[in-house]
Amino acid sequence: MNAEEIMRQVPESPAPVAPQVSPMTEKQKNPEKKTPGSEWLGIMYLIVGLFILIATFQLYFVIQELIRTWISDQFVPVASAIYYIAVIIVGIWLLRDYIRKQ
């Protein structure tokens, strides 16, 4: 067998085949680069968030005591109801805003 006979045996494709799109050929996202102090920053955010949560609960109960102290006894249920409705509205608004951002 010489080189010409070998060339005749190899079939040639009639047209080039276009590559197909696959997950491997699509543009891939660059992985996030973490800085050396990023885990400490996350821990600090968690601690600050915990302090804010504690302060929020304390404020909630302090406002209830202020209503009982400053408002006449006959109007305490009305003022408490208005306060609770305001808390519920703000809570729903915050949840709706959080869900929309997700």
C-alpha atoms as a PDB file:
ATOM      1  CA  MET A   1       0.000   0.000   0.000  1.00  0.00           C
ATOM      2  CA  ASN A   2       1.270   3.357  -0.917  1.00  0.00           C
ATOM      3  CA  ALA A   3       0.179   6.837   0.207  1.00  0.00           C
ATOM      4  CA  GLU A   4      -2.320   7.295  -2.655  1.00  0.00           C
ATOM      5  CA  GLU A   5      -4.226   4.163  -1.757  1.00  0.00           C
ATOM      6  CA  ILE A   6      -4.422   5.198   1.881  1.00  0.00           C
ATOM      7  CA  MET A   7      -5.798   8.637   0.889  1.00  0.00           C
ATOM      8  CA  ARG A   8      -8.487   6.999  -1.270  1.00  0.00           C
ATOM      9  CA  GLN A   9      -9.690   4.829   1.631  1.00  0.00           C
ATOM     10  CA  VAL A  10     -10.324   7.789   3.980  1.00  0.00           C
ATOM     11  CA  PRO A  11     -13.851   9.097   3.234  1.00  0.00           C
ATOM     12  CA  GLU A  12     -14.236  12.856   3.049  1.00  0.00           C
ATOM     13  CA  SER A  13     -17.277  14.515   4.584  1.00  0.00           C
ATOM     14  CA  PRO A  14     -19.383  16.347   1.990  1.00  0.00           C
ATOM     15  CA  ALA A  15     -20.002  19.465   4.137  1.00  0.00           C
ATOM     16  CA  PRO A  16     -18.629  20.830   7.392  1.00  0.00           C
ATOM     17  CA  VAL A  17     -20.813  20.241  10.454  1.00  0.00           C
ATOM     18  CA  ALA A  18     -21.714  23.291  12.539  1.00  0.00           C
ATOM     19  CA  PRO A  19     -21.107  22.933  16.290  1.00  0.00           C
ATOM     20  CA  GLN A  20     -24.193  22.594  18.427  1.00  0.00           C
ATOM     21  CA  VAL A  21     -24.898  24.679  21.514  1.00  0.00           C
ATOM     22  CA  SER A  22     -24.413  22.720  24.683  1.00  0.00           C
ATOM     23  CA  PRO A  23     -23.936  23.632  28.331  1.00  0.00           C
ATOM     24  CA  MET A  24     -20.198  23.338  27.845  1.00  0.00           C
ATOM     25  CA  THR A  25     -20.104  25.762  24.907  1.00  0.00           C
ATOM     26  CA  GLU A  26     -22.277  28.450  26.506  1.00  0.00           C
ATOM     27  CA  LYS A  27     -20.598  31.350  28.265  1.00  0.00           C
ATOM     28  CA  GLN A  28     -19.842  30.321  31.797  1.00  0.00           C
ATOM     29  CA  LYS A  29     -19.950  32.649  34.779  1.00  0.00           C
ATOM     30  CA  ASN A  30     -16.714  33.542  36.459  1.00  0.00           C
ATOM     31  CA  PRO A  31     -16.572  32.176  39.996  1.00  0.00           C
ATOM     32  CA  GLU A  32     -16.719  34.810  42.693  1.00  0.00           C
ATOM     33  CA  LYS A  33     -13.360  35.665  44.128  1.00  0.00           C
ATOM     34  CA  LYS A  34     -13.371  35.818  47.900  1.00  0.00           C
ATOM     35  CA  THR A  35     -11.142  38.258  49.645  1.00  0.00           C
ATOM     36  CA  PRO A  36      -9.215  37.029  52.697  1.00  0.00           C
ATOM     37  CA  GLY A  37     -11.448  38.883  55.190  1.00  0.00           C
ATOM     38  CA  SER A  38     -14.815  38.118  53.610  1.00  0.00           C
ATOM     39  CA  GLU A  39     -15.746  35.389  56.112  1.00  0.00           C
ATOM     40  CA  TRP A  40     -15.099  37.795  59.004  1.00  0.00           C
ATOM     41  CA  LEU A  41     -17.221  40.408  57.285  1.00  0.00           C
ATOM     42  CA  GLY A  42     -20.092  37.903  57.051  1.00  0.00           C
ATOM     43  CA  ILE A  43     -19.768  37.103  60.747  1.00  0.00           C
ATOM     44  CA  MET A  44     -19.840  40.806  61.588  1.00  0.00           C
ATOM     45  CA  TYR A  45     -23.009  41.280  59.514  1.00  0.00           C
ATOM     46  CA  LEU A  46     -24.593  38.379  61.394  1.00  0.00           C
ATOM     47  CA  ILE A  47     -23.682  39.869  64.792  1.00  0.00           C
ATOM     48  CA  VAL A  48     -24.965  43.335  63.832  1.00  0.00           C
ATOM     49  CA  GLY A  49     -28.169  41.775  62.483  1.00  0.00           C
ATOM     50  CA  LEU A  50     -28.653  39.919  65.777  1.00  0.00           C
ATOM     51  CA  PHE A  51     -28.241  43.174  67.740  1.00  0.00           C
ATOM     52  CA  ILE A  52     -30.770  44.885  65.475  1.00  0.00           C
ATOM     53  CA  LEU A  53     -33.230  42.018  66.002  1.00  0.00           C
ATOM     54  CA  ILE A  54     -32.862  42.246  69.796  1.00  0.00           C
ATOM     55  CA  ALA A  55     -33.296  46.027  69.723  1.00  0.00           C
ATOM     56  CA  THR A  56     -36.417  45.651  67.563  1.00  0.00           C
ATOM     57  CA  PHE A  57     -38.033  43.247  70.044  1.00  0.00           C
ATOM     58  CA  GLN A  58     -37.167  45.528  72.957  1.00  0.00           C
ATOM     59  CA  LEU A  59     -38.631  48.543  71.142  1.00  0.00           C
ATOM     60  CA  TYR A  60     -41.820  46.595  70.417  1.00  0.00           C
ATOM     61  CA  PHE A  61     -42.401  45.834  74.089  1.00  0.00           C
ATOM     62  CA  VAL A  62     -41.336  49.297  75.278  1.00  0.00           C
ATOM     63  CA  ILE A  63     -43.917  50.906  72.986  1.00  0.00           C
ATOM     64  CA  GLN A  64     -46.592  48.650  74.527  1.00  0.00           C
ATOM     65  CA  GLU A  65     -45.595  49.860  77.984  1.00  0.00           C
ATOM     66  CA  LEU A  66     -45.614  53.486  76.795  1.00  0.00           C
ATOM     67  CA  ILE A  67     -49.163  53.063  75.489  1.00  0.00           C
ATOM     68  CA  ARG A  68     -50.271  51.687  78.867  1.00  0.00           C
ATOM     69  CA  THR A  69     -48.506  54.544  80.694  1.00  0.00           C
ATOM     70  CA  TRP A  70     -49.400  57.581  78.558  1.00  0.00           C
ATOM     71  CA  ILE A  71     -52.879  56.661  77.332  1.00  0.00           C
ATOM     72  CA  SER A  72     -55.966  56.641  79.516  1.00  0.00           C
ATOM     73  CA  ASP A  73     -57.134  53.151  80.526  1.00  0.00           C
ATOM     74  CA  GLN A  74     -60.264  53.347  78.416  1.00  0.00           C
ATOM     75  CA  PHE A  75     -58.277  54.091  75.232  1.00  0.00           C
ATOM     76  CA  VAL A  76     -55.442  51.560  75.707  1.00  0.00           C
ATOM     77  CA  PRO A  77     -57.163  48.842  73.603  1.00  0.00           C
ATOM     78  CA  VAL A  78     -57.757  51.299  70.736  1.00  0.00           C
ATOM     79  CA  ALA A  79     -54.179  52.609  70.783  1.00  0.00           C
ATOM     80  CA  SER A  80     -52.833  49.041  71.041  1.00  0.00           C
ATOM     81  CA  ALA A  81     -54.966  47.944  68.081  1.00  0.00           C
ATOM     82  CA  ILE A  82     -53.694  50.859  65.973  1.00  0.00           C
ATOM     83  CA  TYR A  83     -50.121  50.008  66.966  1.00  0.00           C
ATOM     84  CA  TYR A  84     -50.567  46.306  66.113  1.00  0.00           C
ATOM     85  CA  ILE A  85     -52.141  47.141  62.754  1.00  0.00           C
ATOM     86  CA  ALA A  86     -49.208  49.440  61.952  1.00  0.00           C
ATOM     87  CA  VAL A  87     -46.739  46.670  62.873  1.00  0.00           C
ATOM     88  CA  ILE A  88     -48.596  44.171  60.668  1.00  0.00           C
ATOM     89  CA  ILE A  89     -48.698  46.577  57.704  1.00  0.00           C
ATOM     90  CA  VAL A  90     -44.989  47.359  57.983  1.00  0.00           C
ATOM     91  CA  GLY A  91     -44.167  43.654  58.315  1.00  0.00           C
ATOM     92  CA  ILE A  92     -46.197  42.739  55.220  1.00  0.00           C
ATOM     93  CA  TRP A  93     -44.627  45.595  53.267  1.00  0.00           C
ATOM     94  CA  LEU A  94     -41.102  44.457  54.222  1.00  0.00           C
ATOM     95  CA  LEU A  95     -41.843  40.828  53.305  1.00  0.00           C
ATOM     96  CA  ARG A  96     -43.357  41.849  49.970  1.00  0.00           C
ATOM     97  CA  ASP A  97     -40.340  44.015  49.190  1.00  0.00           C
ATOM     98  CA  TYR A  98     -37.961  41.175  50.155  1.00  0.00           C
ATOM     99  CA  ILE A  99     -39.811  38.637  48.013  1.00  0.00           C
ATOM    100  CA  ARG A 100     -39.818  40.961  44.993  1.00  0.00           C
ATOM    101  CA  LYS A 101     -36.051  41.354  45.207  1.00  0.00           C
ATOM    102  CA  GLN A 102     -35.580  37.593  45.212  1.00  0.00           C
END
